[in-house]
Structure formats: structure tokens, C-alpha cells
Amino acid sequence: MRGRGDEELRRRMERAAELRAGRLAHSPEEAEEIEREDELNRRRREVDAARRADYLIRDAMARGEFDHLQYAGKPIPNLDNVNDPDWWLKGLIQREQLTGLGPEALVLRVEDARLESTLDALYTEQQVRDSLAAFNRRIIEARRQLLGGPPVITKTRDVEREVALWHERRAAAAAARAAEEAEDADDRPPPFWRRWFGRGTGS
């Protein structure tokens, strides 16, 4: 249906162009068609881009195309970060939960916030020390600003202190697991041989 209308409009435009060029004989109908085309073109020129955009937005709102957007009826987040040149990159990293991407200063901030959980996933003290040494080395390299980017505000970590805290968290987790296992053992019924022999002793 739409293709037929487009084809008809194209033919009318071609015919009007031919009439203006004098290649067809003029008639009252043809003159009226030329006049209609001229009026239509004049109206199109009067509607500038801003008015057209406003019309399209209002039309889309009337059809409900904006009703199910993510922030419909809510304040848009991070409007106060307009003076931060990296606002778009921070938002992208946060929305997509990206790791290892972006300027080193921002990547180090994210890794610094997750460092404890990263260390807790390691198995040996030497792995913890190596990970901390690599983290501190990256901070020092990033502070030199050889690749540009935002300033580095992440602080280096005290290796000995972080190792001691890793041992404390590891011991606390082991104690919690032992207590949970003991509680589960108390809830379990005694083995069958204890129930069998206890019946013979009258207990």
C-alpha cells in the first residue's frame, strides 16, 4: 500500500518536472497539478527541522513509545557529573560491569574497591603477596601519566598489613565453616549402631 503511494508521488513529481521543462502540453489539469506541487513544496520548506522534531516527539509520546523507557518518571542519574570529562566512560563501565577497560586510573579504582574479595579467592600467602605487588606496581606506573588520562587517586597497599588481614579473614571463614558443620552434625540422628546398642543397655 505504501509502496504504491510512493510510486504515485514519484510519477507526479516527474510529470511536474517535465511540465516545467516544457516537454508536455499544458492543460488545466496539469496546471492545477503543478500548483498543488508548488504549494506542497512551499509548506514543506516552512516547516523547519526544529518544528518537525517537536512534531515527531509529540507524536511518539501520543503513541506511548516513551512509556516503558528505563528512567520513565524517574530522575536521570549522574546529572551532577556534567563537569567530569569521564562521566560517560564511568557510566559505561558501571552499566555494562566491564573490567579491565578504560583509563588505568578508573580501572585501578574499581579493582581497589574489590581487592579484598579478589585476595580472598587466592589459596596461598605467596599468591596474595604477588597480587599485591602487581597491584602496587600498576599504581606507580599509572601515576607517571605516560598514557594520559585522569589523575590516579588510588593508594598503594601495605603488603604486610594486607597479608595479615587476609590471614584473619581466612581464619574467620574457617571458624564459621567449622561452627556450621558442628551445628549440622548436632541436628543429624545418631548412627544406627549407636541406636542399636543403646537399646540393649536400656538407654
N, C-alpha and C. Protein backbone atom coordinates (compact mmCIF):
# COMPACT_ATOMS: atom_id res chain seq x y z
N MET A 1 0.84 -1.21 0.00
CA MET A 1 0.00 0.00 0.00
C MET A 1 0.87 1.25 0.00
N ARG A 2 1.87 1.22 0.89
CA ARG A 2 2.73 2.39 0.99
C ARG A 2 3.61 2.53 -0.25
N GLY A 3 4.06 1.37 -0.81
CA GLY A 3 4.89 1.42 -2.00
C GLY A 3 4.14 1.99 -3.17
N ARG A 4 2.82 1.68 -3.27
CA ARG A 4 2.01 2.22 -4.36
C ARG A 4 1.89 3.73 -4.24
N GLY A 5 1.71 4.21 -3.00
CA GLY A 5 1.60 5.66 -2.82
C GLY A 5 2.90 6.37 -3.14
N ASP A 6 4.03 5.75 -2.76
CA ASP A 6 5.33 6.35 -3.08
C ASP A 6 5.56 6.39 -4.58
N GLU A 7 5.15 5.33 -5.27
CA GLU A 7 5.32 5.29 -6.71
C GLU A 7 4.46 6.36 -7.39
N GLU A 8 3.23 6.54 -6.87
CA GLU A 8 2.36 7.57 -7.44
C GLU A 8 2.93 8.96 -7.23
N LEU A 9 3.47 9.20 -6.03
CA LEU A 9 4.08 10.51 -5.76
C LEU A 9 5.29 10.74 -6.66
N ARG A 10 6.08 9.69 -6.87
CA ARG A 10 7.25 9.84 -7.73
C ARG A 10 6.84 10.20 -9.17
N ARG A 11 5.79 9.51 -9.66
CA ARG A 11 5.32 9.82 -11.02
C ARG A 11 4.80 11.25 -11.13
N ARG A 12 4.09 11.68 -10.09
CA ARG A 12 3.57 13.05 -10.12
C ARG A 12 4.70 14.07 -10.12
N MET A 13 5.74 13.79 -9.35
CA MET A 13 6.87 14.72 -9.30
C MET A 13 7.59 14.76 -10.65
N GLU A 14 7.78 13.58 -11.25
CA GLU A 14 8.44 13.54 -12.55
C GLU A 14 7.61 14.28 -13.61
N ARG A 15 6.30 14.10 -13.52
CA ARG A 15 5.44 14.76 -14.51
C ARG A 15 5.46 16.28 -14.32
N ALA A 16 5.45 16.71 -13.06
CA ALA A 16 5.51 18.15 -12.81
C ALA A 16 6.83 18.73 -13.31
N ALA A 17 7.92 17.97 -13.15
CA ALA A 17 9.21 18.46 -13.64
C ALA A 17 9.22 18.55 -15.15
N GLU A 18 8.61 17.56 -15.79
CA GLU A 18 8.54 17.61 -17.24
C GLU A 18 7.66 18.77 -17.72
N LEU A 19 6.59 19.04 -17.01
CA LEU A 19 5.73 20.16 -17.40
C LEU A 19 6.49 21.47 -17.28
N ARG A 20 7.27 21.60 -16.21
CA ARG A 20 8.03 22.84 -16.06
C ARG A 20 9.08 22.98 -17.16
N ALA A 21 9.63 21.84 -17.57
CA ALA A 21 10.65 21.90 -18.62
C ALA A 21 10.04 22.10 -20.00
N GLY A 22 8.72 22.09 -20.12
CA GLY A 22 8.05 22.33 -21.39
C GLY A 22 8.00 21.15 -22.30
N ARG A 23 8.20 19.92 -21.73
CA ARG A 23 8.21 18.75 -22.59
C ARG A 23 6.81 18.18 -22.81
N LEU A 24 5.80 18.62 -22.05
CA LEU A 24 4.43 18.15 -22.23
C LEU A 24 3.52 19.36 -22.48
N ALA A 25 2.44 19.05 -23.15
CA ALA A 25 1.49 20.13 -23.44
C ALA A 25 0.76 20.50 -22.16
N HIS A 26 0.48 21.80 -21.99
CA HIS A 26 -0.20 22.27 -20.81
C HIS A 26 -1.71 22.10 -20.97
N SER A 27 -2.34 21.79 -19.83
CA SER A 27 -3.79 21.69 -19.79
C SER A 27 -4.22 22.19 -18.43
N PRO A 28 -5.51 22.49 -18.25
CA PRO A 28 -5.96 22.96 -16.93
C PRO A 28 -5.65 21.97 -15.82
N GLU A 29 -5.77 20.68 -16.11
CA GLU A 29 -5.49 19.69 -15.07
C GLU A 29 -4.01 19.68 -14.70
N GLU A 30 -3.18 19.79 -15.74
CA GLU A 30 -1.75 19.79 -15.49
C GLU A 30 -1.32 21.05 -14.75
N ALA A 31 -1.91 22.17 -15.10
CA ALA A 31 -1.57 23.41 -14.40
C ALA A 31 -1.98 23.32 -12.94
N GLU A 32 -3.14 22.71 -12.68
CA GLU A 32 -3.59 22.55 -11.30
C GLU A 32 -2.65 21.62 -10.52
N GLU A 33 -2.16 20.58 -11.20
CA GLU A 33 -1.24 19.66 -10.53
C GLU A 33 0.07 20.36 -10.18
N ILE A 34 0.56 21.20 -11.10
CA ILE A 34 1.79 21.95 -10.83
C ILE A 34 1.58 22.88 -9.64
N GLU A 35 0.42 23.52 -9.59
CA GLU A 35 0.13 24.43 -8.49
C GLU A 35 0.09 23.69 -7.15
N ARG A 36 -0.53 22.50 -7.18
CA ARG A 36 -0.58 21.72 -5.94
C ARG A 36 0.83 21.31 -5.48
N GLU A 37 1.66 20.90 -6.41
CA GLU A 37 3.03 20.52 -6.07
C GLU A 37 3.81 21.70 -5.52
N ASP A 38 3.65 22.86 -6.12
CA ASP A 38 4.35 24.04 -5.63
C ASP A 38 3.91 24.40 -4.21
N GLU A 39 2.59 24.30 -3.96
CA GLU A 39 2.08 24.60 -2.63
C GLU A 39 2.61 23.61 -1.60
N LEU A 40 2.65 22.35 -1.97
CA LEU A 40 3.17 21.32 -1.06
C LEU A 40 4.65 21.57 -0.74
N ASN A 41 5.42 21.90 -1.74
CA ASN A 41 6.85 22.18 -1.52
C ASN A 41 7.04 23.41 -0.65
N ARG A 42 6.19 24.41 -0.88
CA ARG A 42 6.31 25.63 -0.06
C ARG A 42 6.03 25.32 1.41
N ARG A 43 4.99 24.50 1.66
CA ARG A 43 4.67 24.15 3.04
C ARG A 43 5.79 23.33 3.69
N ARG A 44 6.37 22.44 2.91
CA ARG A 44 7.47 21.65 3.46
C ARG A 44 8.66 22.53 3.86
N ARG A 45 8.93 23.55 3.04
CA ARG A 45 10.04 24.44 3.37
C ARG A 45 9.76 25.26 4.61
N GLU A 46 8.50 25.56 4.86
CA GLU A 46 8.16 26.37 6.03
C GLU A 46 8.36 25.61 7.34
N VAL A 47 8.18 24.32 7.28
CA VAL A 47 8.35 23.51 8.49
C VAL A 47 9.83 23.22 8.66
N ASP A 48 10.49 23.93 9.58
CA ASP A 48 11.93 23.74 9.74
C ASP A 48 12.21 22.48 10.57
N ALA A 49 13.46 22.19 10.74
CA ALA A 49 13.87 20.95 11.40
C ALA A 49 13.41 20.90 12.85
N ALA A 50 13.45 22.03 13.56
CA ALA A 50 13.05 22.04 14.97
C ALA A 50 11.57 21.72 15.12
N ARG A 51 10.74 22.33 14.28
CA ARG A 51 9.30 22.06 14.36
C ARG A 51 8.99 20.63 13.99
N ARG A 52 9.71 20.12 13.01
CA ARG A 52 9.49 18.72 12.62
C ARG A 52 9.88 17.77 13.75
N ALA A 53 11.02 18.07 14.39
CA ALA A 53 11.44 17.22 15.51
C ALA A 53 10.44 17.28 16.65
N ASP A 54 9.93 18.49 16.94
CA ASP A 54 8.93 18.63 18.00
C ASP A 54 7.67 17.85 17.67
N TYR A 55 7.28 17.89 16.41
CA TYR A 55 6.09 17.13 16.00
C TYR A 55 6.31 15.62 16.15
N LEU A 56 7.46 15.15 15.72
CA LEU A 56 7.75 13.72 15.81
C LEU A 56 7.79 13.24 17.26
N ILE A 57 8.37 14.06 18.14
CA ILE A 57 8.43 13.68 19.56
C ILE A 57 7.04 13.63 20.16
N ARG A 58 6.23 14.65 19.88
CA ARG A 58 4.86 14.67 20.41
C ARG A 58 4.05 13.49 19.86
N ASP A 59 4.26 13.19 18.61
CA ASP A 59 3.54 12.07 18.01
C ASP A 59 3.95 10.75 18.66
N ALA A 60 5.25 10.58 18.92
CA ALA A 60 5.72 9.35 19.58
C ALA A 60 5.19 9.26 21.00
N MET A 61 5.12 10.40 21.70
CA MET A 61 4.57 10.40 23.07
C MET A 61 3.10 10.01 23.05
N ALA A 62 2.37 10.52 22.05
CA ALA A 62 0.94 10.18 21.97
C ALA A 62 0.74 8.70 21.70
N ARG A 63 1.67 8.08 20.97
CA ARG A 63 1.56 6.64 20.70
C ARG A 63 2.09 5.80 21.86
N GLY A 64 2.68 6.44 22.88
CA GLY A 64 3.16 5.70 24.05
C GLY A 64 4.50 5.04 23.86
N GLU A 65 5.29 5.52 22.91
CA GLU A 65 6.58 4.89 22.65
C GLU A 65 7.62 5.21 23.73
N PHE A 66 7.37 6.21 24.57
CA PHE A 66 8.31 6.56 25.64
C PHE A 66 7.85 6.05 27.01
N ASP A 67 6.76 5.30 27.05
CA ASP A 67 6.19 4.91 28.34
C ASP A 67 7.01 3.87 29.08
N HIS A 68 7.78 3.07 28.38
CA HIS A 68 8.49 1.96 29.02
C HIS A 68 10.00 2.13 28.99
N LEU A 69 10.46 3.37 28.92
CA LEU A 69 11.90 3.61 28.99
C LEU A 69 12.42 3.35 30.40
N GLN A 70 13.73 3.16 30.52
CA GLN A 70 14.33 2.76 31.80
C GLN A 70 14.09 3.79 32.90
N TYR A 71 14.20 5.07 32.56
CA TYR A 71 14.06 6.12 33.58
C TYR A 71 12.76 6.90 33.43
N ALA A 72 11.73 6.28 32.89
CA ALA A 72 10.45 6.97 32.75
C ALA A 72 9.90 7.32 34.13
N GLY A 73 9.62 8.60 34.33
CA GLY A 73 9.08 9.07 35.61
C GLY A 73 10.09 9.13 36.73
N LYS A 74 11.38 8.96 36.43
CA LYS A 74 12.42 8.98 37.46
C LYS A 74 13.48 10.02 37.08
N PRO A 75 14.20 10.53 38.07
CA PRO A 75 15.29 11.46 37.73
C PRO A 75 16.42 10.74 37.00
N ILE A 76 17.00 11.41 36.04
CA ILE A 76 18.11 10.82 35.28
C ILE A 76 19.35 10.83 36.17
N PRO A 77 20.00 9.71 36.34
CA PRO A 77 21.16 9.66 37.24
C PRO A 77 22.36 10.38 36.65
N ASN A 78 23.28 10.79 37.56
CA ASN A 78 24.58 11.37 37.21
C ASN A 78 24.47 12.70 36.48
N LEU A 79 23.35 13.41 36.69
CA LEU A 79 23.26 14.74 36.08
C LEU A 79 24.22 15.73 36.73
N ASP A 80 24.65 15.42 37.96
CA ASP A 80 25.57 16.32 38.65
C ASP A 80 27.01 16.09 38.24
N ASN A 81 27.26 15.15 37.32
CA ASN A 81 28.63 14.87 36.89
C ASN A 81 28.95 15.49 35.53
N VAL A 82 28.25 16.57 35.20
CA VAL A 82 28.45 17.17 33.87
C VAL A 82 29.84 17.77 33.73
N ASN A 83 30.50 18.12 34.84
CA ASN A 83 31.83 18.70 34.77
C ASN A 83 32.92 17.63 34.78
N ASP A 84 32.54 16.37 34.92
CA ASP A 84 33.50 15.28 34.90
C ASP A 84 33.71 14.84 33.45
N PRO A 85 34.92 14.99 32.91
CA PRO A 85 35.12 14.63 31.50
C PRO A 85 34.98 13.14 31.23
N ASP A 86 35.03 12.33 32.27
CA ASP A 86 34.96 10.88 32.08
C ASP A 86 33.62 10.30 32.51
N TRP A 87 32.57 11.16 32.59
CA TRP A 87 31.28 10.68 33.09
C TRP A 87 30.71 9.58 32.23
N TRP A 88 30.86 9.71 30.91
CA TRP A 88 30.27 8.71 30.01
C TRP A 88 30.99 7.38 30.14
N LEU A 89 32.32 7.43 30.34
CA LEU A 89 33.09 6.19 30.46
C LEU A 89 32.79 5.49 31.78
N LYS A 90 32.66 6.27 32.85
CA LYS A 90 32.31 5.67 34.13
C LYS A 90 30.92 5.03 34.07
N GLY A 91 29.99 5.73 33.43
CA GLY A 91 28.65 5.16 33.30
C GLY A 91 28.64 3.88 32.49
N LEU A 92 29.44 3.85 31.42
CA LEU A 92 29.51 2.64 30.60
C LEU A 92 30.07 1.47 31.40
N ILE A 93 31.16 1.73 32.14
CA ILE A 93 31.77 0.66 32.93
C ILE A 93 30.80 0.16 33.99
N GLN A 94 30.06 1.08 34.61
CA GLN A 94 29.12 0.67 35.65
C GLN A 94 27.93 -0.08 35.07
N ARG A 95 27.36 0.41 33.96
CA ARG A 95 26.20 -0.25 33.38
C ARG A 95 26.52 -1.63 32.86
N GLU A 96 27.62 -1.73 32.14
CA GLU A 96 27.97 -3.00 31.50
C GLU A 96 28.82 -3.89 32.39
N GLN A 97 29.19 -3.39 33.59
CA GLN A 97 30.03 -4.14 34.52
C GLN A 97 31.30 -4.63 33.83
N LEU A 98 31.95 -3.70 33.17
CA LEU A 98 33.17 -4.04 32.44
C LEU A 98 34.36 -4.03 33.38
N THR A 99 35.30 -4.90 33.13
CA THR A 99 36.53 -4.94 33.91
C THR A 99 37.70 -4.92 32.94
N GLY A 100 38.76 -4.23 33.34
CA GLY A 100 39.96 -4.18 32.52
C GLY A 100 39.89 -3.21 31.36
N LEU A 101 38.82 -2.39 31.28
CA LEU A 101 38.68 -1.43 30.20
C LEU A 101 38.68 -0.02 30.75
N GLY A 102 39.09 0.92 29.90
CA GLY A 102 39.06 2.32 30.30
C GLY A 102 40.44 2.79 30.75
N PRO A 103 40.54 4.08 31.10
CA PRO A 103 41.81 4.60 31.60
C PRO A 103 42.25 3.84 32.85
N GLU A 104 43.56 3.70 32.99
CA GLU A 104 44.11 2.90 34.10
C GLU A 104 43.67 3.46 35.45
N ALA A 105 43.52 4.78 35.56
CA ALA A 105 43.10 5.37 36.83
C ALA A 105 41.73 4.85 37.25
N LEU A 106 40.79 4.75 36.30
CA LEU A 106 39.46 4.26 36.63
C LEU A 106 39.46 2.76 36.89
N VAL A 107 40.24 2.01 36.11
CA VAL A 107 40.33 0.56 36.32
C VAL A 107 40.89 0.26 37.70
N LEU A 108 41.90 1.02 38.12
CA LEU A 108 42.50 0.81 39.44
C LEU A 108 41.51 1.12 40.56
N ARG A 109 40.67 2.11 40.36
CA ARG A 109 39.66 2.42 41.39
C ARG A 109 38.71 1.25 41.57
N VAL A 110 38.26 0.68 40.45
CA VAL A 110 37.34 -0.45 40.53
C VAL A 110 38.02 -1.65 41.19
N GLU A 111 39.25 -1.94 40.80
CA GLU A 111 39.96 -3.07 41.38
C GLU A 111 40.27 -2.84 42.85
N ASP A 112 40.53 -1.60 43.22
CA ASP A 112 40.81 -1.29 44.63
C ASP A 112 39.58 -1.56 45.49
N ALA A 113 38.39 -1.24 44.98
CA ALA A 113 37.17 -1.49 45.74
C ALA A 113 36.89 -2.97 45.90
N ARG A 114 37.38 -3.79 44.97
CA ARG A 114 37.12 -5.24 45.02
C ARG A 114 38.34 -6.04 45.46
N LEU A 115 39.36 -5.37 45.97
CA LEU A 115 40.63 -6.05 46.22
C LEU A 115 40.49 -7.14 47.28
N GLU A 116 39.74 -6.89 48.35
CA GLU A 116 39.62 -7.89 49.42
C GLU A 116 39.01 -9.18 48.89
N SER A 117 37.93 -9.06 48.12
CA SER A 117 37.30 -10.28 47.58
C SER A 117 38.23 -10.97 46.58
N THR A 118 39.03 -10.18 45.85
CA THR A 118 40.00 -10.79 44.93
C THR A 118 41.05 -11.58 45.67
N LEU A 119 41.56 -11.00 46.77
CA LEU A 119 42.58 -11.69 47.56
C LEU A 119 41.99 -12.91 48.27
N ASP A 120 40.76 -12.81 48.73
CA ASP A 120 40.14 -13.93 49.44
C ASP A 120 39.94 -15.14 48.54
N ALA A 121 39.95 -14.94 47.24
CA ALA A 121 39.80 -16.06 46.31
C ALA A 121 41.11 -16.79 46.07
N LEU A 122 42.23 -16.25 46.58
CA LEU A 122 43.54 -16.90 46.42
C LEU A 122 43.76 -17.93 47.51
N TYR A 123 44.69 -18.87 47.25
CA TYR A 123 44.86 -20.01 48.14
C TYR A 123 46.10 -19.94 49.02
N THR A 124 47.14 -19.26 48.58
CA THR A 124 48.39 -19.23 49.33
C THR A 124 48.80 -17.80 49.63
N GLU A 125 49.64 -17.66 50.66
CA GLU A 125 50.14 -16.34 51.02
C GLU A 125 51.00 -15.76 49.91
N GLN A 126 51.76 -16.61 49.22
CA GLN A 126 52.61 -16.12 48.15
C GLN A 126 51.79 -15.55 47.01
N GLN A 127 50.65 -16.17 46.71
CA GLN A 127 49.76 -15.62 45.68
C GLN A 127 49.25 -14.25 46.09
N VAL A 128 48.93 -14.09 47.37
CA VAL A 128 48.46 -12.79 47.87
C VAL A 128 49.56 -11.74 47.73
N ARG A 129 50.76 -12.11 48.11
CA ARG A 129 51.87 -11.16 48.00
C ARG A 129 52.14 -10.77 46.55
N ASP A 130 52.14 -11.73 45.68
CA ASP A 130 52.37 -11.43 44.26
C ASP A 130 51.27 -10.54 43.69
N SER A 131 50.02 -10.80 44.07
CA SER A 131 48.92 -9.98 43.58
C SER A 131 49.03 -8.55 44.09
N LEU A 132 49.37 -8.37 45.35
CA LEU A 132 49.54 -7.02 45.92
C LEU A 132 50.70 -6.29 45.28
N ALA A 133 51.80 -6.99 45.04
CA ALA A 133 52.96 -6.36 44.41
C ALA A 133 52.62 -5.89 43.01
N ALA A 134 51.89 -6.72 42.25
CA ALA A 134 51.49 -6.31 40.90
C ALA A 134 50.53 -5.13 40.94
N PHE A 135 49.62 -5.12 41.92
CA PHE A 135 48.66 -4.01 42.05
C PHE A 135 49.39 -2.71 42.36
N ASN A 136 50.32 -2.75 43.32
CA ASN A 136 51.08 -1.54 43.68
C ASN A 136 51.94 -1.07 42.50
N ARG A 137 52.52 -2.00 41.77
CA ARG A 137 53.36 -1.64 40.63
C ARG A 137 52.53 -0.93 39.55
N ARG A 138 51.33 -1.38 39.32
CA ARG A 138 50.46 -0.72 38.33
C ARG A 138 50.08 0.69 38.78
N ILE A 139 49.85 0.87 40.07
CA ILE A 139 49.53 2.21 40.58
C ILE A 139 50.70 3.16 40.34
N ILE A 140 51.91 2.71 40.65
CA ILE A 140 53.09 3.57 40.48
C ILE A 140 53.29 3.91 39.00
N GLU A 141 53.09 2.92 38.12
CA GLU A 141 53.23 3.19 36.69
C GLU A 141 52.17 4.17 36.20
N ALA A 142 50.95 4.02 36.69
CA ALA A 142 49.87 4.90 36.25
C ALA A 142 50.08 6.33 36.71
N ARG A 143 50.73 6.51 37.87
CA ARG A 143 50.97 7.86 38.38
C ARG A 143 51.91 8.65 37.49
N ARG A 144 52.69 7.99 36.69
CA ARG A 144 53.61 8.69 35.79
C ARG A 144 52.88 9.35 34.63
N GLN A 145 51.61 8.96 34.40
CA GLN A 145 50.77 9.59 33.38
C GLN A 145 51.39 9.52 31.99
N LEU A 146 52.07 8.41 31.70
CA LEU A 146 52.68 8.28 30.38
C LEU A 146 51.63 8.13 29.28
N LEU A 147 50.49 7.54 29.63
CA LEU A 147 49.43 7.35 28.64
C LEU A 147 48.32 8.38 28.77
N GLY A 148 48.50 9.37 29.63
CA GLY A 148 47.47 10.38 29.82
C GLY A 148 46.31 9.83 30.63
N GLY A 149 45.18 10.52 30.58
CA GLY A 149 44.00 10.08 31.31
C GLY A 149 43.83 10.84 32.61
N PRO A 150 42.78 10.52 33.37
CA PRO A 150 42.51 11.22 34.63
C PRO A 150 43.60 10.92 35.66
N PRO A 151 43.72 11.77 36.67
CA PRO A 151 44.75 11.55 37.70
C PRO A 151 44.46 10.29 38.50
N VAL A 152 45.52 9.67 38.99
CA VAL A 152 45.42 8.44 39.77
C VAL A 152 45.30 8.82 41.24
N ILE A 153 44.19 8.45 41.87
CA ILE A 153 43.99 8.74 43.29
C ILE A 153 44.03 7.48 44.14
N THR A 154 44.16 6.33 43.50
CA THR A 154 44.22 5.07 44.24
C THR A 154 45.56 4.96 44.96
N LYS A 155 45.52 4.58 46.22
CA LYS A 155 46.73 4.47 47.03
C LYS A 155 47.27 3.04 46.96
N THR A 156 48.59 2.94 47.10
CA THR A 156 49.20 1.62 47.17
C THR A 156 48.82 0.95 48.49
N ARG A 157 48.88 -0.37 48.50
CA ARG A 157 48.52 -1.14 49.69
C ARG A 157 49.79 -1.60 50.42
N ASP A 158 49.71 -1.59 51.76
CA ASP A 158 50.78 -2.14 52.59
C ASP A 158 50.70 -3.66 52.51
N VAL A 159 51.71 -4.28 51.93
CA VAL A 159 51.66 -5.72 51.67
C VAL A 159 51.54 -6.51 52.95
N GLU A 160 52.37 -6.18 53.96
CA GLU A 160 52.35 -6.94 55.22
C GLU A 160 50.99 -6.81 55.92
N ARG A 161 50.45 -5.62 55.93
CA ARG A 161 49.15 -5.42 56.58
C ARG A 161 48.06 -6.19 55.85
N GLU A 162 48.06 -6.13 54.51
CA GLU A 162 47.03 -6.84 53.75
C GLU A 162 47.16 -8.35 53.89
N VAL A 163 48.40 -8.85 54.00
CA VAL A 163 48.60 -10.28 54.21
C VAL A 163 48.04 -10.69 55.57
N ALA A 164 48.30 -9.87 56.60
CA ALA A 164 47.78 -10.18 57.93
C ALA A 164 46.25 -10.17 57.93
N LEU A 165 45.65 -9.18 57.26
CA LEU A 165 44.18 -9.14 57.19
C LEU A 165 43.64 -10.33 56.40
N TRP A 166 44.36 -10.77 55.38
CA TRP A 166 43.94 -11.95 54.60
C TRP A 166 43.92 -13.18 55.50
N HIS A 167 44.98 -13.34 56.35
CA HIS A 167 45.01 -14.47 57.28
C HIS A 167 43.83 -14.39 58.26
N GLU A 168 43.52 -13.19 58.75
CA GLU A 168 42.41 -13.03 59.70
C GLU A 168 41.08 -13.40 59.04
N ARG A 169 40.85 -12.91 57.85
CA ARG A 169 39.59 -13.24 57.16
C ARG A 169 39.52 -14.73 56.85
N ARG A 170 40.64 -15.32 56.50
CA ARG A 170 40.68 -16.75 56.18
C ARG A 170 40.37 -17.59 57.42
N ALA A 171 40.96 -17.19 58.58
CA ALA A 171 40.71 -17.91 59.84
C ALA A 171 39.26 -17.75 60.27
N ALA A 172 38.71 -16.54 60.11
CA ALA A 172 37.31 -16.31 60.49
C ALA A 172 36.38 -17.14 59.62
N ALA A 173 36.68 -17.23 58.33
CA ALA A 173 35.84 -18.03 57.43
C ALA A 173 35.92 -19.51 57.79
N ALA A 174 37.13 -19.99 58.15
CA ALA A 174 37.28 -21.39 58.53
C ALA A 174 36.52 -21.69 59.81
N ALA A 175 36.58 -20.76 60.81
CA ALA A 175 35.84 -20.96 62.05
C ALA A 175 34.34 -20.97 61.80
N ALA A 176 33.87 -20.11 60.92
CA ALA A 176 32.44 -20.09 60.61
C ALA A 176 32.01 -21.39 59.95
N ARG A 177 32.85 -21.92 59.06
CA ARG A 177 32.51 -23.20 58.41
C ARG A 177 32.50 -24.33 59.43
N ALA A 178 33.46 -24.33 60.37
CA ALA A 178 33.51 -25.39 61.38
C ALA A 178 32.27 -25.33 62.27
N ALA A 179 31.88 -24.13 62.67
CA ALA A 179 30.69 -23.99 63.52
C ALA A 179 29.44 -24.46 62.78
N GLU A 180 29.36 -24.15 61.51
CA GLU A 180 28.19 -24.58 60.73
C GLU A 180 28.17 -26.10 60.59
N GLU A 181 29.34 -26.71 60.38
CA GLU A 181 29.39 -28.16 60.27
C GLU A 181 29.03 -28.83 61.59
N ALA A 182 29.49 -28.25 62.73
CA ALA A 182 29.15 -28.81 64.03
C ALA A 182 27.65 -28.72 64.29
N GLU A 183 27.06 -27.61 63.89
CA GLU A 183 25.62 -27.45 64.08
C GLU A 183 24.85 -28.45 63.23
N ASP A 184 25.32 -28.68 62.02
CA ASP A 184 24.67 -29.68 61.18
C ASP A 184 24.83 -31.08 61.77
N ALA A 185 25.99 -31.35 62.37
CA ALA A 185 26.21 -32.67 62.97
C ALA A 185 25.30 -32.89 64.16
N ASP A 186 25.03 -31.86 64.96
CA ASP A 186 24.13 -31.99 66.11
C ASP A 186 22.70 -32.28 65.67
N ASP A 187 22.34 -31.77 64.50
CA ASP A 187 20.98 -31.97 64.00
C ASP A 187 20.78 -33.35 63.39
N ARG A 188 21.87 -34.03 63.03
CA ARG A 188 21.74 -35.34 62.40
C ARG A 188 21.43 -36.40 63.45
N PRO A 189 20.64 -37.43 63.14
CA PRO A 189 20.37 -38.51 64.10
C PRO A 189 21.63 -39.34 64.33
N PRO A 190 21.77 -39.99 65.49
CA PRO A 190 22.95 -40.82 65.76
C PRO A 190 23.01 -41.99 64.81
N PRO A 191 24.19 -42.55 64.59
CA PRO A 191 24.31 -43.69 63.66
C PRO A 191 23.52 -44.89 64.15
N PHE A 192 23.24 -45.80 63.24
CA PHE A 192 22.35 -46.93 63.56
C PHE A 192 22.94 -47.83 64.63
N TRP A 193 24.30 -48.00 64.62
CA TRP A 193 24.89 -48.93 65.61
C TRP A 193 24.76 -48.37 67.01
N ARG A 194 24.80 -47.02 67.14
CA ARG A 194 24.64 -46.45 68.48
C ARG A 194 23.21 -46.62 68.96
N ARG A 195 22.25 -46.46 68.03
CA ARG A 195 20.86 -46.68 68.42
C ARG A 195 20.63 -48.15 68.77
N TRP A 196 21.27 -49.05 68.03
CA TRP A 196 21.08 -50.49 68.27
C TRP A 196 21.64 -50.93 69.62
N PHE A 197 22.88 -50.53 69.90
CA PHE A 197 23.50 -50.93 71.18
C PHE A 197 22.88 -50.16 72.36
N GLY A 198 22.45 -48.94 72.13
CA GLY A 198 21.80 -48.19 73.20
C GLY A 198 20.51 -48.84 73.63
N ARG A 199 19.85 -49.56 72.69
CA ARG A 199 18.63 -50.24 73.04
C ARG A 199 18.93 -51.40 74.00
N GLY A 200 20.11 -52.07 73.84
CA GLY A 200 20.44 -53.18 74.71
C GLY A 200 20.82 -52.77 76.11
N THR A 201 21.35 -51.56 76.26
CA THR A 201 21.76 -51.09 77.60
C THR A 201 20.65 -50.38 78.30
N GLY A 202 19.51 -50.26 77.66
CA GLY A 202 18.36 -49.61 78.30
C GLY A 202 18.41 -48.12 78.27
N SER A 203 19.32 -47.52 77.51
CA SER A 203 19.39 -46.09 77.41
C SER A 203 18.58 -45.58 76.24
